[in-house]
Structures are given as C-alpha cells and as structure tokens.
C-alpha cells in the first residue's frame, strides 16, 4: 500500500496521471489502475476526474494530509533500521 500512496502523492502534486507516470517511470494506465485500486481499498473517491482537470475530493485532501505524514514516518522507520 505504501507504493500506491507514493503514487497518489505524486498524482496529487502534479495534478495529472500522465505527468505522474513519467516521473515514477510507469505507464499512465498503470498509475490509473493503482489509484483505482487505492480508492477501492479505501472505499472512497480521492479524485474528481474530468477531461480537463483532476481535482482532489474532500476525502482526497484529508487522505493527502495523512498520507504525507505516514510516508515521513515510514521512511524514518526504514532509515533507522539501516543505521
């Protein structure tokens, strides 16, 4: 799930599945499937999608705030294991 959260954060940051896909070196369809899977796990829509824009939903914004903190903690924990 952490990998999916990292992809979610990149999509939210860049506002685009295709731009995020380039950055994380994945196919845009794989990024879309990853976000769809994450939304299914959470049982909520994280993005409002249209042909012109990608906007975080209210729950998506809440998840963004928590996910950022979670990854900082996870990265810190992993770093402490290698020291």
PDB file of N, CA and C in Angstrom:
ATOM      1  N   UNK A   1       0.817  -1.197   0.000  1.00  0.00           N
ATOM      2  CA  UNK A   1       0.000   0.000   0.000  1.00  0.00           C
ATOM      3  C   UNK A   1       0.864   1.266   0.000  1.00  0.00           C
ATOM      4  N   UNK A   2       2.062   1.181   0.579  1.00  0.00           N
ATOM      5  CA  UNK A   2       2.929   2.364   0.607  1.00  0.00           C
ATOM      6  C   UNK A   2       3.302   2.821  -0.804  1.00  0.00           C
ATOM      7  N   UNK A   3       3.515   1.866  -1.703  1.00  0.00           N
ATOM      8  CA  UNK A   3       3.841   2.234  -3.089  1.00  0.00           C
ATOM      9  C   UNK A   3       2.673   2.981  -3.727  1.00  0.00           C
ATOM     10  N   UNK A   4       1.483   2.524  -3.473  1.00  0.00           N
ATOM     11  CA  UNK A   4       0.290   3.189  -4.015  1.00  0.00           C
ATOM     12  C   UNK A   4       0.143   4.585  -3.436  1.00  0.00           C
ATOM     13  N   UNK A   5       0.458   4.735  -2.161  1.00  0.00           N
ATOM     14  CA  UNK A   5       0.373   6.057  -1.524  1.00  0.00           C
ATOM     15  C   UNK A   5       1.393   7.005  -2.136  1.00  0.00           C
ATOM     16  N   UNK A   6       2.590   6.505  -2.420  1.00  0.00           N
ATOM     17  CA  UNK A   6       3.609   7.351  -3.064  1.00  0.00           C
ATOM     18  C   UNK A   6       3.123   7.831  -4.431  1.00  0.00           C
ATOM     19  N   UNK A   7       2.494   6.935  -5.174  1.00  0.00           N
ATOM     20  CA  UNK A   7       1.961   7.302  -6.488  1.00  0.00           C
ATOM     21  C   UNK A   7       0.826   8.307  -6.327  1.00  0.00           C
ATOM     22  N   UNK A   8      -0.052   8.077  -5.360  1.00  0.00           N
ATOM     23  CA  UNK A   8      -1.134   9.022  -5.086  1.00  0.00           C
ATOM     24  C   UNK A   8      -0.567  10.414  -4.813  1.00  0.00           C
ATOM     25  N   UNK A   9       0.457  10.500  -3.980  1.00  0.00           N
ATOM     26  CA  UNK A   9       1.043  11.797  -3.647  1.00  0.00           C
ATOM     27  C   UNK A   9       1.616  12.482  -4.885  1.00  0.00           C
ATOM     28  N   UNK A  10       2.233  11.707  -5.764  1.00  0.00           N
ATOM     29  CA  UNK A  10       2.812  12.291  -6.978  1.00  0.00           C
ATOM     30  C   UNK A  10       1.711  12.781  -7.915  1.00  0.00           C
ATOM     31  N   UNK A  11       0.628  12.016  -8.043  1.00  0.00           N
ATOM     32  CA  UNK A  11      -0.501  12.442  -8.881  1.00  0.00           C
ATOM     33  C   UNK A  11      -1.108  13.728  -8.315  1.00  0.00           C
ATOM     34  N   UNK A  12      -1.291  13.758  -6.998  1.00  0.00           N
ATOM     35  CA  UNK A  12      -1.864  14.948  -6.360  1.00  0.00           C
ATOM     36  C   UNK A  12      -0.951  16.158  -6.551  1.00  0.00           C
ATOM     37  N   UNK A  13       0.345  15.946  -6.429  1.00  0.00           N
ATOM     38  CA  UNK A  13       1.314  17.039  -6.582  1.00  0.00           C
ATOM     39  C   UNK A  13       1.303  17.601  -8.000  1.00  0.00           C
ATOM     40  N   UNK A  14       1.286  16.703  -8.982  1.00  0.00           N
ATOM     41  CA  UNK A  14       1.392  17.132 -10.379  1.00  0.00           C
ATOM     42  C   UNK A  14       0.044  17.395 -11.040  1.00  0.00           C
ATOM     43  N   UNK A  15      -1.034  16.895 -10.425  1.00  0.00           N
ATOM     44  CA  UNK A  15      -2.363  17.125 -10.974  1.00  0.00           C
ATOM     45  C   UNK A  15      -2.650  16.387 -12.260  1.00  0.00           C
ATOM     46  N   UNK A  16      -1.923  15.295 -12.479  1.00  0.00           N
ATOM     47  CA  UNK A  16      -2.079  14.566 -13.736  1.00  0.00           C
ATOM     48  C   UNK A  16      -1.574  13.140 -13.582  1.00  0.00           C
ATOM     49  N   UNK A  17      -2.351  12.192 -14.100  1.00  0.00           N
ATOM     50  CA  UNK A  17      -1.906  10.800 -14.104  1.00  0.00           C
ATOM     51  C   UNK A  17      -0.719  10.627 -15.040  1.00  0.00           C
ATOM     52  N   UNK A  18      -0.781  11.230 -16.216  1.00  0.00           N
ATOM     53  CA  UNK A  18       0.290  11.041 -17.195  1.00  0.00           C
ATOM     54  C   UNK A  18       1.600  11.692 -16.746  1.00  0.00           C
ATOM     55  N   UNK A  19       1.534  12.864 -16.147  1.00  0.00           N
ATOM     56  CA  UNK A  19       2.757  13.502 -15.641  1.00  0.00           C
ATOM     57  C   UNK A  19       3.360  12.681 -14.508  1.00  0.00           C
ATOM     58  N   UNK A  20       2.517  12.196 -13.617  1.00  0.00           N
ATOM     59  CA  UNK A  20       3.000  11.361 -12.516  1.00  0.00           C
ATOM     60  C   UNK A  20       3.615  10.075 -13.053  1.00  0.00           C
ATOM     61  N   UNK A  21       3.002   9.506 -14.085  1.00  0.00           N
ATOM     62  CA  UNK A  21       3.516   8.274 -14.679  1.00  0.00           C
ATOM     63  C   UNK A  21       4.930   8.468 -15.209  1.00  0.00           C
ATOM     64  N   UNK A  22       5.179   9.598 -15.855  1.00  0.00           N
ATOM     65  CA  UNK A  22       6.525   9.885 -16.365  1.00  0.00           C
ATOM     66  C   UNK A  22       7.532   9.969 -15.232  1.00  0.00           C
ATOM     67  N   UNK A  23       7.157  10.632 -14.144  1.00  0.00           N
ATOM     68  CA  UNK A  23       8.064  10.828 -13.021  1.00  0.00           C
ATOM     69  C   UNK A  23       8.387   9.500 -12.322  1.00  0.00           C
ATOM     70  N   UNK A  24       7.373   8.656 -12.151  1.00  0.00           N
ATOM     71  CA  UNK A  24       7.588   7.386 -11.449  1.00  0.00           C
ATOM     72  C   UNK A  24       7.940   6.248 -12.406  1.00  0.00           C
ATOM     73  N   UNK A  25       8.104   6.581 -13.689  1.00  0.00           N
ATOM     74  CA  UNK A  25       8.524   5.630 -14.714  1.00  0.00           C
ATOM     75  C   UNK A  25       7.559   4.448 -14.839  1.00  0.00           C
ATOM     76  N   UNK A  26       6.291   4.783 -14.975  1.00  0.00           N
ATOM     77  CA  UNK A  26       5.238   3.785 -15.170  1.00  0.00           C
ATOM     78  C   UNK A  26       4.369   4.211 -16.343  1.00  0.00           C
ATOM     79  N   UNK A  27       3.625   3.271 -16.868  1.00  0.00           N
ATOM     80  CA  UNK A  27       2.644   3.607 -17.900  1.00  0.00           C
ATOM     81  C   UNK A  27       1.482   4.359 -17.245  1.00  0.00           C
ATOM     82  N   UNK A  28       0.922   5.344 -17.940  1.00  0.00           N
ATOM     83  CA  UNK A  28      -0.220   6.065 -17.367  1.00  0.00           C
ATOM     84  C   UNK A  28      -1.375   5.142 -16.955  1.00  0.00           C
ATOM     85  N   UNK A  29      -1.599   4.094 -17.726  1.00  0.00           N
ATOM     86  CA  UNK A  29      -2.672   3.161 -17.377  1.00  0.00           C
ATOM     87  C   UNK A  29      -2.372   2.436 -16.063  1.00  0.00           C
ATOM     88  N   UNK A  30      -1.103   2.169 -15.785  1.00  0.00           N
ATOM     89  CA  UNK A  30      -0.723   1.519 -14.525  1.00  0.00           C
ATOM     90  C   UNK A  30      -0.942   2.454 -13.343  1.00  0.00           C
ATOM     91  N   UNK A  31      -0.651   3.723 -13.538  1.00  0.00           N
ATOM     92  CA  UNK A  31      -0.886   4.710 -12.485  1.00  0.00           C
ATOM     93  C   UNK A  31      -2.387   4.815 -12.212  1.00  0.00           C
ATOM     94  N   UNK A  32      -3.178   4.853 -13.271  1.00  0.00           N
ATOM     95  CA  UNK A  32      -4.630   4.928 -13.121  1.00  0.00           C
ATOM     96  C   UNK A  32      -5.155   3.708 -12.375  1.00  0.00           C
ATOM     97  N   UNK A  33      -4.682   2.517 -12.744  1.00  0.00           N
ATOM     98  CA  UNK A  33      -5.111   1.293 -12.055  1.00  0.00           C
ATOM     99  C   UNK A  33      -4.699   1.315 -10.584  1.00  0.00           C
ATOM    100  N   UNK A  34      -3.524   1.839 -10.302  1.00  0.00           N
ATOM    101  CA  UNK A  34      -3.038   1.930  -8.924  1.00  0.00           C
ATOM    102  C   UNK A  34      -3.948   2.835  -8.091  1.00  0.00           C
ATOM    103  N   UNK A  35      -4.313   3.981  -8.635  1.00  0.00           N
ATOM    104  CA  UNK A  35      -5.201   4.904  -7.925  1.00  0.00           C
ATOM    105  C   UNK A  35      -6.593   4.296  -7.782  1.00  0.00           C
ATOM    106  N   UNK A  36      -7.074   3.642  -8.830  1.00  0.00           N
ATOM    107  CA  UNK A  36      -8.376   2.971  -8.751  1.00  0.00           C
ATOM    108  C   UNK A  36      -8.374   1.916  -7.646  1.00  0.00           C
ATOM    109  N   UNK A  37      -7.298   1.155  -7.562  1.00  0.00           N
ATOM    110  CA  UNK A  37      -7.178   0.121  -6.533  1.00  0.00           C
ATOM    111  C   UNK A  37      -7.153   0.739  -5.133  1.00  0.00           C
ATOM    112  N   UNK A  38      -6.415   1.830  -4.990  1.00  0.00           N
ATOM    113  CA  UNK A  38      -6.350   2.529  -3.704  1.00  0.00           C
ATOM    114  C   UNK A  38      -7.734   3.051  -3.308  1.00  0.00           C
ATOM    115  N   UNK A  39      -8.440   3.632  -4.267  1.00  0.00           N
ATOM    116  CA  UNK A  39      -9.793   4.120  -3.991  1.00  0.00           C
ATOM    117  C   UNK A  39     -10.728   2.972  -3.597  1.00  0.00           C
ATOM    118  N   UNK A  40     -10.562   1.816  -4.238  1.00  0.00           N
ATOM    119  CA  UNK A  40     -11.378   0.654  -3.880  1.00  0.00           C
ATOM    120  C   UNK A  40     -11.064   0.173  -2.472  1.00  0.00           C
ATOM    121  N   UNK A  41      -9.783   0.145  -2.112  1.00  0.00           N
ATOM    122  CA  UNK A  41      -9.392  -0.260  -0.759  1.00  0.00           C
ATOM    123  C   UNK A  41      -9.977   0.689   0.285  1.00  0.00           C
ATOM    124  N   UNK A  42      -9.937   1.972  -0.011  1.00  0.00           N
ATOM    125  CA  UNK A  42     -10.421   2.984   0.928  1.00  0.00           C
ATOM    126  C   UNK A  42     -11.934   3.174   0.839  1.00  0.00           C
ATOM    127  N   UNK A  43     -12.524   2.626  -0.202  1.00  0.00           N
ATOM    128  CA  UNK A  43     -13.962   2.742  -0.459  1.00  0.00           C
ATOM    129  C   UNK A  43     -14.424   4.200  -0.543  1.00  0.00           C
ATOM    130  N   UNK A  44     -13.601   5.006  -1.215  1.00  0.00           N
ATOM    131  CA  UNK A  44     -13.951   6.403  -1.433  1.00  0.00           C
ATOM    132  C   UNK A  44     -13.187   6.936  -2.649  1.00  0.00           C
ATOM    133  N   UNK A  45     -13.757   7.929  -3.292  1.00  0.00           N
ATOM    134  CA  UNK A  45     -13.085   8.593  -4.414  1.00  0.00           C
ATOM    135  C   UNK A  45     -12.095   9.613  -3.858  1.00  0.00           C
ATOM    136  N   UNK A  46     -10.875   9.559  -4.351  1.00  0.00           N
ATOM    137  CA  UNK A  46      -9.849  10.505  -3.914  1.00  0.00           C
ATOM    138  C   UNK A  46      -9.735  11.688  -4.870  1.00  0.00           C
ATOM    139  N   UNK A  47     -10.090  11.459  -6.129  1.00  0.00           N
ATOM    140  CA  UNK A  47     -10.014  12.499  -7.147  1.00  0.00           C
ATOM    141  C   UNK A  47     -11.354  12.654  -7.856  1.00  0.00           C
ATOM    142  N   UNK A  48     -11.645  13.874  -8.245  1.00  0.00           N
ATOM    143  CA  UNK A  48     -12.757  14.156  -9.149  1.00  0.00           C
ATOM    144  C   UNK A  48     -12.108  14.309 -10.519  1.00  0.00           C
ATOM    145  N   UNK A  49     -12.464  13.418 -11.429  1.00  0.00           N
ATOM    146  CA  UNK A  49     -11.832  13.393 -12.742  1.00  0.00           C
ATOM    147  C   UNK A  49     -12.748  14.008 -13.800  1.00  0.00           C
ATOM    148  N   UNK A  50     -12.139  14.785 -14.674  1.00  0.00           N
ATOM    149  CA  UNK A  50     -12.827  15.260 -15.873  1.00  0.00           C
ATOM    150  C   UNK A  50     -11.803  15.246 -16.996  1.00  0.00           C
ATOM    151  N   UNK A  51     -12.253  15.532 -18.195  1.00  0.00           N
ATOM    152  CA  UNK A  51     -11.317  15.524 -19.317  1.00  0.00           C
ATOM    153  C   UNK A  51     -10.320  16.677 -19.241  1.00  0.00           C
ATOM    154  N   UNK A  52     -10.659  17.706 -18.501  1.00  0.00           N
ATOM    155  CA  UNK A  52      -9.793  18.883 -18.435  1.00  0.00           C
ATOM    156  C   UNK A  52      -8.975  19.010 -17.159  1.00  0.00           C
ATOM    157  N   UNK A  53      -9.442  18.393 -16.078  1.00  0.00           N
ATOM    158  CA  UNK A  53      -8.705  18.562 -14.829  1.00  0.00           C
ATOM    159  C   UNK A  53      -8.902  17.398 -13.873  1.00  0.00           C
ATOM    160  N   UNK A  54      -8.008  17.333 -12.936  1.00  0.00           N
ATOM    161  CA  UNK A  54      -8.022  16.319 -11.897  1.00  0.00           C
ATOM    162  C   UNK A  54      -7.962  17.054 -10.567  1.00  0.00           C
ATOM    163  N   UNK A  55      -9.001  16.902  -9.758  1.00  0.00           N
ATOM    164  CA  UNK A  55      -9.105  17.655  -8.508  1.00  0.00           C
ATOM    165  C   UNK A  55      -9.291  16.679  -7.355  1.00  0.00           C
ATOM    166  N   UNK A  56      -8.605  16.940  -6.260  1.00  0.00           N
ATOM    167  CA  UNK A  56      -8.809  16.133  -5.064  1.00  0.00           C
ATOM    168  C   UNK A  56     -10.221  16.342  -4.524  1.00  0.00           C
ATOM    169  N   UNK A  57     -10.850  15.261  -4.093  1.00  0.00           N
ATOM    170  CA  UNK A  57     -12.124  15.382  -3.398  1.00  0.00           C
ATOM    171  C   UNK A  57     -11.828  15.821  -1.967  1.00  0.00           C
ATOM    172  N   UNK A  58     -12.858  16.085  -1.206  1.00  0.00           N
ATOM    173  CA  UNK A  58     -12.663  16.460   0.199  1.00  0.00           C
ATOM    174  C   UNK A  58     -11.946  15.330   0.948  1.00  0.00           C
ATOM    175  N   UNK A  59     -12.390  14.105   0.716  1.00  0.00           N
ATOM    176  CA  UNK A  59     -11.733  12.968   1.359  1.00  0.00           C
ATOM    177  C   UNK A  59     -10.325  12.764   0.810  1.00  0.00           C
ATOM    178  N   UNK A  60     -10.138  13.082  -0.456  1.00  0.00           N
ATOM    179  CA  UNK A  60      -8.806  13.005  -1.052  1.00  0.00           C
ATOM    180  C   UNK A  60      -7.848  13.965  -0.380  1.00  0.00           C
ATOM    181  N   UNK A  61      -8.314  15.155  -0.043  1.00  0.00           N
ATOM    182  CA  UNK A  61      -7.479  16.139   0.649  1.00  0.00           C
ATOM    183  C   UNK A  61      -7.121  15.649   2.053  1.00  0.00           C
ATOM    184  N   UNK A  62      -8.089  15.062   2.732  1.00  0.00           N
ATOM    185  CA  UNK A  62      -7.833  14.506   4.070  1.00  0.00           C
ATOM    186  C   UNK A  62      -6.803  13.386   3.972  1.00  0.00           C
ATOM    187  N   UNK A  63      -6.968  12.517   2.963  1.00  0.00           N
ATOM    188  CA  UNK A  63      -6.027  11.411   2.778  1.00  0.00           C
ATOM    189  C   UNK A  63      -4.642  11.941   2.429  1.00  0.00           C
ATOM    190  N   UNK A  64      -4.578  12.983   1.624  1.00  0.00           N
ATOM    191  CA  UNK A  64      -3.295  13.588   1.251  1.00  0.00           C
ATOM    192  C   UNK A  64      -2.535  14.039   2.489  1.00  0.00           C
ATOM    193  N   UNK A  65      -3.213  14.723   3.388  1.00  0.00           N
ATOM    194  CA  UNK A  65      -2.562  15.211   4.606  1.00  0.00           C
ATOM    195  C   UNK A  65      -2.026  14.059   5.449  1.00  0.00           C
ATOM    196  N   UNK A  66      -2.843  13.046   5.647  1.00  0.00           N
ATOM    197  CA  UNK A  66      -2.427  11.893   6.439  1.00  0.00           C
ATOM    198  C   UNK A  66      -1.365  11.052   5.753  1.00  0.00           C
ATOM    199  N   UNK A  67      -1.482  10.900   4.440  1.00  0.00           N
ATOM    200  CA  UNK A  67      -0.538  10.078   3.688  1.00  0.00           C
ATOM    201  C   UNK A  67       0.864  10.685   3.709  1.00  0.00           C
ATOM    202  N   UNK A  68       0.940  11.994   3.618  1.00  0.00           N
ATOM    203  CA  UNK A  68       2.246  12.664   3.677  1.00  0.00           C
ATOM    204  C   UNK A  68       2.937  12.374   5.002  1.00  0.00           C
ATOM    205  N   UNK A  69       2.194  12.488   6.086  1.00  0.00           N
ATOM    206  CA  UNK A  69       2.748  12.211   7.418  1.00  0.00           C
ATOM    207  C   UNK A  69       3.135  10.744   7.551  1.00  0.00           C
ATOM    208  N   UNK A  70       2.301   9.868   7.038  1.00  0.00           N
ATOM    209  CA  UNK A  70       2.559   8.440   7.111  1.00  0.00           C
ATOM    210  C   UNK A  70       3.861   8.077   6.405  1.00  0.00           C
ATOM    211  N   UNK A  71       4.086   8.624   5.229  1.00  0.00           N
ATOM    212  CA  UNK A  71       5.300   8.303   4.488  1.00  0.00           C
ATOM    213  C   UNK A  71       6.549   8.858   5.153  1.00  0.00           C
ATOM    214  N   UNK A  72       6.440  10.023   5.765  1.00  0.00           N
ATOM    215  CA  UNK A  72       7.582  10.563   6.504  1.00  0.00           C
ATOM    216  C   UNK A  72       7.951   9.605   7.634  1.00  0.00           C
ATOM    217  N   UNK A  73       6.939   9.129   8.358  1.00  0.00           N
ATOM    218  CA  UNK A  73       7.164   8.185   9.460  1.00  0.00           C
ATOM    219  C   UNK A  73       7.729   6.865   8.943  1.00  0.00           C
ATOM    220  N   UNK A  74       7.176   6.344   7.851  1.00  0.00           N
ATOM    221  CA  UNK A  74       7.639   5.078   7.288  1.00  0.00           C
ATOM    222  C   UNK A  74       9.085   5.193   6.810  1.00  0.00           C
ATOM    223  N   UNK A  75       9.415   6.278   6.130  1.00  0.00           N
ATOM    224  CA  UNK A  75      10.780   6.483   5.653  1.00  0.00           C
ATOM    225  C   UNK A  75      11.747   6.619   6.823  1.00  0.00           C
ATOM    226  N   UNK A  76      11.322   7.300   7.867  1.00  0.00           N
ATOM    227  CA  UNK A  76      12.149   7.455   9.066  1.00  0.00           C
ATOM    228  C   UNK A  76      12.397   6.104   9.734  1.00  0.00           C
ATOM    229  N   UNK A  77      11.351   5.304   9.834  1.00  0.00           N
ATOM    230  CA  UNK A  77      11.483   3.987  10.441  1.00  0.00           C
ATOM    231  C   UNK A  77      12.435   3.116   9.637  1.00  0.00           C
ATOM    232  N   UNK A  78      12.281   3.119   8.310  1.00  0.00           N
ATOM    233  CA  UNK A  78      13.170   2.324   7.460  1.00  0.00           C
ATOM    234  C   UNK A  78      14.616   2.776   7.567  1.00  0.00           C
ATOM    235  N   UNK A  79      14.822   4.074   7.637  1.00  0.00           N
ATOM    236  CA  UNK A  79      16.173   4.622   7.782  1.00  0.00           C
ATOM    237  C   UNK A  79      16.779   4.208   9.112  1.00  0.00           C
ATOM    238  N   UNK A  80      15.986   4.172  10.148  1.00  0.00           N
ATOM    239  CA  UNK A  80      16.515   3.790  11.464  1.00  0.00           C
ATOM    240  C   UNK A  80      16.920   2.322  11.504  1.00  0.00           C
ATOM    241  N   UNK A  81      16.352   1.504  10.641  1.00  0.00           N
ATOM    242  CA  UNK A  81      16.693   0.081  10.585  1.00  0.00           C
ATOM    243  C   UNK A  81      18.035  -0.149   9.912  1.00  0.00           C
ATOM    244  N   UNK A  82      18.448   0.768   9.051  1.00  0.00           N
ATOM    245  CA  UNK A  82      19.705   0.584   8.306  1.00  0.00           C
ATOM    246  C   UNK A  82      20.887   1.274   8.977  1.00  0.00           C
ATOM    247  N   UNK A  83      20.616   2.015  10.051  1.00  0.00           N
ATOM    248  CA  UNK A  83      21.715   2.731  10.721  1.00  0.00           C
ATOM    249  C   UNK A  83      22.495   1.818  11.620  1.00  0.00           C
TER     250      UNK A  83
END
